[in-house]
Amino acid sequence: MSDYVIKLRQLVGTMPVILVGSTVIVLNQTRKVLLQFRADIEMWGLPGGAMEPGETLEETAKRKLYEETGLF
């Protein structure tokens, strides 16, 4: 979870918050989808996450893909 989201949660508690985020679908040459195992919820999923202030959606997608997979 980003510092921004953590600080926001401290301010609003458990009140519902709408956040913008991105999810990235990565296909290899045989059209297989890249999944990552999320240890926090113990499930497989697509790389992605919340947008930081000042980012574009494309920047968010690139950042989260790199942070979570090392790909760019």
C-alpha atoms as a PDB file:
ATOM      1  CA  MET A   1       0.000   0.000   0.000  1.00  0.00           C
ATOM      2  CA  SER A   2       1.392   3.421  -0.925  1.00  0.00           C
ATOM      3  CA  ASP A   3       2.252   6.139   1.588  1.00  0.00           C
ATOM      4  CA  TYR A   4      -0.545   8.259   0.103  1.00  0.00           C
ATOM      5  CA  VAL A   5      -3.179   5.591   0.722  1.00  0.00           C
ATOM      6  CA  ILE A   6      -1.864   4.927   4.236  1.00  0.00           C
ATOM      7  CA  LYS A   7      -2.067   8.640   5.120  1.00  0.00           C
ATOM      8  CA  LEU A   8      -5.529   8.889   3.569  1.00  0.00           C
ATOM      9  CA  ARG A   9      -6.710   5.913   5.621  1.00  0.00           C
ATOM     10  CA  GLN A  10      -5.379   7.566   8.785  1.00  0.00           C
ATOM     11  CA  LEU A  11      -7.523  10.607   8.019  1.00  0.00           C
ATOM     12  CA  VAL A  12     -10.771   8.919   6.988  1.00  0.00           C
ATOM     13  CA  GLY A  13     -10.584   5.645   8.894  1.00  0.00           C
ATOM     14  CA  THR A  14     -12.792   2.932   7.431  1.00  0.00           C
ATOM     15  CA  MET A  15     -15.045   5.322   5.498  1.00  0.00           C
ATOM     16  CA  PRO A  16     -15.334   4.241   1.828  1.00  0.00           C
ATOM     17  CA  VAL A  17     -12.807   5.954  -0.436  1.00  0.00           C
ATOM     18  CA  ILE A  18     -12.775   5.976  -4.234  1.00  0.00           C
ATOM     19  CA  LEU A  19      -9.255   5.583  -5.623  1.00  0.00           C
ATOM     20  CA  VAL A  20      -8.033   5.469  -9.213  1.00  0.00           C
ATOM     21  CA  GLY A  21      -5.760   2.593 -10.098  1.00  0.00           C
ATOM     22  CA  SER A  22      -4.448   0.518 -12.948  1.00  0.00           C
ATOM     23  CA  THR A  23      -4.202  -3.138 -13.823  1.00  0.00           C
ATOM     24  CA  VAL A  24      -1.816  -4.414 -16.476  1.00  0.00           C
ATOM     25  CA  ILE A  25      -2.363  -7.432 -18.697  1.00  0.00           C
ATOM     26  CA  VAL A  26       0.931  -8.800 -20.010  1.00  0.00           C
ATOM     27  CA  LEU A  27       0.812 -11.387 -22.801  1.00  0.00           C
ATOM     28  CA  ASN A  28       3.776 -13.376 -24.056  1.00  0.00           C
ATOM     29  CA  GLN A  29       4.262 -14.493 -27.671  1.00  0.00           C
ATOM     30  CA  THR A  30       1.958 -17.475 -27.165  1.00  0.00           C
ATOM     31  CA  ARG A  31      -0.710 -15.203 -25.613  1.00  0.00           C
ATOM     32  CA  LYS A  32      -0.274 -16.568 -22.102  1.00  0.00           C
ATOM     33  CA  VAL A  33      -1.194 -14.058 -19.375  1.00  0.00           C
ATOM     34  CA  LEU A  34       1.316 -13.106 -16.685  1.00  0.00           C
ATOM     35  CA  LEU A  35      -0.096 -13.580 -13.181  1.00  0.00           C
ATOM     36  CA  GLN A  36       1.525 -12.830  -9.850  1.00  0.00           C
ATOM     37  CA  PHE A  37       0.884 -14.502  -6.523  1.00  0.00           C
ATOM     38  CA  ARG A  38      -0.292 -11.962  -3.937  1.00  0.00           C
ATOM     39  CA  ALA A  39       0.962 -13.026  -0.537  1.00  0.00           C
ATOM     40  CA  ASP A  40      -1.360 -10.554   1.236  1.00  0.00           C
ATOM     41  CA  ILE A  41      -4.542 -12.275   0.040  1.00  0.00           C
ATOM     42  CA  GLU A  42      -2.985 -15.579  -1.038  1.00  0.00           C
ATOM     43  CA  MET A  43      -4.431 -15.438  -4.549  1.00  0.00           C
ATOM     44  CA  TRP A  44      -3.153 -15.094  -8.110  1.00  0.00           C
ATOM     45  CA  GLY A  45      -3.872 -11.824  -9.913  1.00  0.00           C
ATOM     46  CA  LEU A  46      -2.789  -9.207 -12.402  1.00  0.00           C
ATOM     47  CA  PRO A  47      -0.144  -6.590 -11.531  1.00  0.00           C
ATOM     48  CA  GLY A  48      -1.560  -3.200 -10.664  1.00  0.00           C
ATOM     49  CA  GLY A  49      -2.381  -0.753  -7.926  1.00  0.00           C
ATOM     50  CA  ALA A  50      -3.352   2.723  -6.834  1.00  0.00           C
ATOM     51  CA  MET A  51      -2.435   5.960  -8.573  1.00  0.00           C
ATOM     52  CA  GLU A  52      -0.161   8.389  -6.714  1.00  0.00           C
ATOM     53  CA  PRO A  53      -0.895  12.144  -6.716  1.00  0.00           C
ATOM     54  CA  GLY A  54       0.474  13.785  -9.872  1.00  0.00           C
ATOM     55  CA  GLU A  55       0.704  10.564 -11.900  1.00  0.00           C
ATOM     56  CA  THR A  56      -1.072   9.796 -15.135  1.00  0.00           C
ATOM     57  CA  LEU A  57      -2.839   6.462 -15.452  1.00  0.00           C
ATOM     58  CA  GLU A  58      -0.131   5.305 -17.873  1.00  0.00           C
ATOM     59  CA  GLU A  59       2.604   6.251 -15.374  1.00  0.00           C
ATOM     60  CA  THR A  60       0.760   4.334 -12.666  1.00  0.00           C
ATOM     61  CA  ALA A  61       0.536   1.238 -14.858  1.00  0.00           C
ATOM     62  CA  LYS A  62       4.250   1.381 -15.713  1.00  0.00           C
ATOM     63  CA  ARG A  63       5.297   1.975 -12.099  1.00  0.00           C
ATOM     64  CA  LYS A  64       3.142  -0.814 -10.682  1.00  0.00           C
ATOM     65  CA  LEU A  65       4.237  -3.286 -13.363  1.00  0.00           C
ATOM     66  CA  TYR A  66       7.885  -2.566 -12.568  1.00  0.00           C
ATOM     67  CA  GLU A  67       7.408  -2.607  -8.781  1.00  0.00           C
ATOM     68  CA  GLU A  68       5.543  -5.889  -8.803  1.00  0.00           C
ATOM     69  CA  THR A  69       7.320  -7.820 -11.585  1.00  0.00           C
ATOM     70  CA  GLY A  70      10.571  -6.046 -12.453  1.00  0.00           C
ATOM     71  CA  LEU A  71       9.331  -5.652 -16.043  1.00  0.00           C
ATOM     72  CA  PHE A  72       9.246  -2.313 -17.845  1.00  0.00           C
END
